[in-house]
Amino acid sequence: MCDVCGQEVASITESDLYLRFILGEVRMEELTTSRERHIRCHPELAQFIVSSDFEPVHCQGVFAKEHLDAAFVAEQQARVTRAWRRLQDVAKKPIPLHEYPLPE
């Protein structure tokens, strides 16, 4: 269940936890003990996904990307979008869990 909205996170493709795992922000052993939420329920991260297959998320406040350094935003958009695409791919293929994270 999503820690923010309380609704079921029905698919790995909607999972903020697995997106952060792919990004290297969550260790494998934390996947079973960390709280889950929808990607869209984490606007500080979701705002950096730039894809025609993902409806843009607007983050408000000091962490909104319009308040951040343009170079940092470009770097984050490339990194998070690449991870989000990887998340979509691993949901379709039988890939071992330890191979989910991006190489960097």
Protein backbone atom coordinates (compact mmCIF):
# COMPACT_ATOMS: atom_id res chain seq x y z
CA MET A 1 0.00 0.00 0.00
CA CYS A 2 1.17 3.49 -0.80
CA ASP A 3 2.50 5.31 2.24
CA VAL A 4 1.15 8.60 0.83
CA CYS A 5 -2.28 7.96 -0.70
CA GLY A 6 -3.12 4.63 0.94
CA GLN A 7 -4.00 2.93 -2.37
CA GLU A 8 -2.43 -0.29 -3.60
CA VAL A 9 0.76 -0.01 -5.64
CA ALA A 10 -0.54 -2.59 -8.10
CA SER A 11 2.47 -2.91 -10.37
CA ILE A 12 6.23 -2.62 -10.14
CA THR A 13 5.99 -0.08 -12.96
CA GLU A 14 4.26 2.30 -10.53
CA SER A 15 6.66 1.64 -7.64
CA ASP A 16 8.76 4.47 -6.24
CA LEU A 17 10.61 1.89 -4.13
CA TYR A 18 11.76 -0.10 -7.16
CA LEU A 19 12.56 3.06 -9.11
CA ARG A 20 14.84 4.17 -6.27
CA PHE A 21 16.33 0.65 -6.18
CA ILE A 22 17.19 0.94 -9.87
CA LEU A 23 18.71 4.36 -9.15
CA GLY A 24 20.89 2.80 -6.44
CA GLU A 25 19.18 4.73 -3.63
CA VAL A 26 17.72 1.61 -1.96
CA ARG A 27 19.70 -1.55 -1.20
CA MET A 28 18.28 -4.94 -2.16
CA GLU A 29 17.86 -5.98 1.47
CA GLU A 30 15.73 -2.87 2.10
CA LEU A 31 13.11 -3.82 -0.53
CA THR A 32 11.13 -5.94 1.93
CA THR A 33 11.34 -3.51 4.84
CA SER A 34 11.02 -0.07 3.21
CA ARG A 35 7.74 1.75 2.81
CA GLU A 36 6.18 1.75 -0.62
CA ARG A 37 4.52 4.55 -2.57
CA HIS A 38 3.50 5.33 -6.12
CA ILE A 39 6.01 7.16 -8.28
CA ARG A 40 3.42 9.91 -8.75
CA CYS A 41 3.09 10.23 -4.96
CA HIS A 42 6.76 11.26 -4.79
CA PRO A 43 6.69 14.47 -6.87
CA GLU A 44 10.22 15.51 -5.86
CA LEU A 45 11.50 12.50 -7.85
CA ALA A 46 8.70 12.03 -10.41
CA GLN A 47 9.12 15.55 -11.78
CA PHE A 48 12.38 14.41 -13.37
CA ILE A 49 10.75 11.72 -15.55
CA VAL A 50 10.51 13.10 -19.05
CA SER A 51 8.76 10.72 -21.42
CA SER A 52 5.74 10.81 -23.69
CA ASP A 53 4.63 7.65 -21.83
CA PHE A 54 4.58 9.39 -18.45
CA GLU A 55 2.24 12.25 -17.64
CA PRO A 56 4.36 15.05 -16.16
CA VAL A 57 4.26 15.58 -12.43
CA HIS A 58 4.60 19.08 -11.02
CA CYS A 59 6.42 19.49 -7.74
CA GLN A 60 5.71 22.53 -5.62
CA GLY A 61 7.94 24.31 -3.18
CA VAL A 62 11.69 24.65 -2.84
CA PHE A 63 12.38 21.27 -4.50
CA ALA A 64 10.46 22.14 -7.69
CA LYS A 65 12.82 21.83 -10.62
CA GLU A 66 12.16 25.40 -11.74
CA HIS A 67 13.93 26.50 -8.54
CA LEU A 68 16.96 24.25 -9.10
CA ASP A 69 20.14 24.71 -11.11
CA ALA A 70 19.51 23.99 -14.82
CA ALA A 71 22.53 21.67 -15.13
CA PHE A 72 21.39 19.67 -12.11
CA VAL A 73 17.86 19.42 -13.53
CA ALA A 74 19.16 18.18 -16.90
CA GLU A 75 21.34 15.58 -15.17
CA GLN A 76 18.48 14.40 -12.96
CA GLN A 77 16.04 14.24 -15.87
CA ALA A 78 18.45 12.05 -17.84
CA ARG A 79 19.21 9.79 -14.85
CA VAL A 80 15.67 9.39 -13.50
CA THR A 81 14.10 8.98 -16.94
CA ARG A 82 16.66 6.29 -17.79
CA ALA A 83 15.84 4.51 -14.51
CA TRP A 84 12.10 4.80 -15.14
CA ARG A 85 12.55 3.25 -18.60
CA ARG A 86 14.59 0.46 -17.02
CA LEU A 87 11.75 -0.10 -14.53
CA GLN A 88 9.30 -0.47 -17.42
CA ASP A 89 11.66 -2.99 -19.07
CA VAL A 90 12.30 -5.18 -16.03
CA ALA A 91 8.56 -5.57 -15.55
CA LYS A 92 8.33 -7.19 -19.00
CA LYS A 93 11.35 -9.51 -18.84
CA PRO A 94 12.56 -12.22 -16.46
CA ILE A 95 15.59 -10.31 -15.17
CA PRO A 96 17.24 -11.28 -11.87
CA LEU A 97 16.64 -8.70 -9.15
CA HIS A 98 20.36 -8.00 -8.69
CA GLU A 99 20.52 -6.86 -12.33
CA TYR A 100 17.78 -4.22 -11.99
CA PRO A 101 19.98 -1.27 -10.91
CA LEU A 102 21.61 0.99 -13.45
CA PRO A 103 25.34 0.28 -13.82
CA GLU A 104 26.41 3.57 -12.27
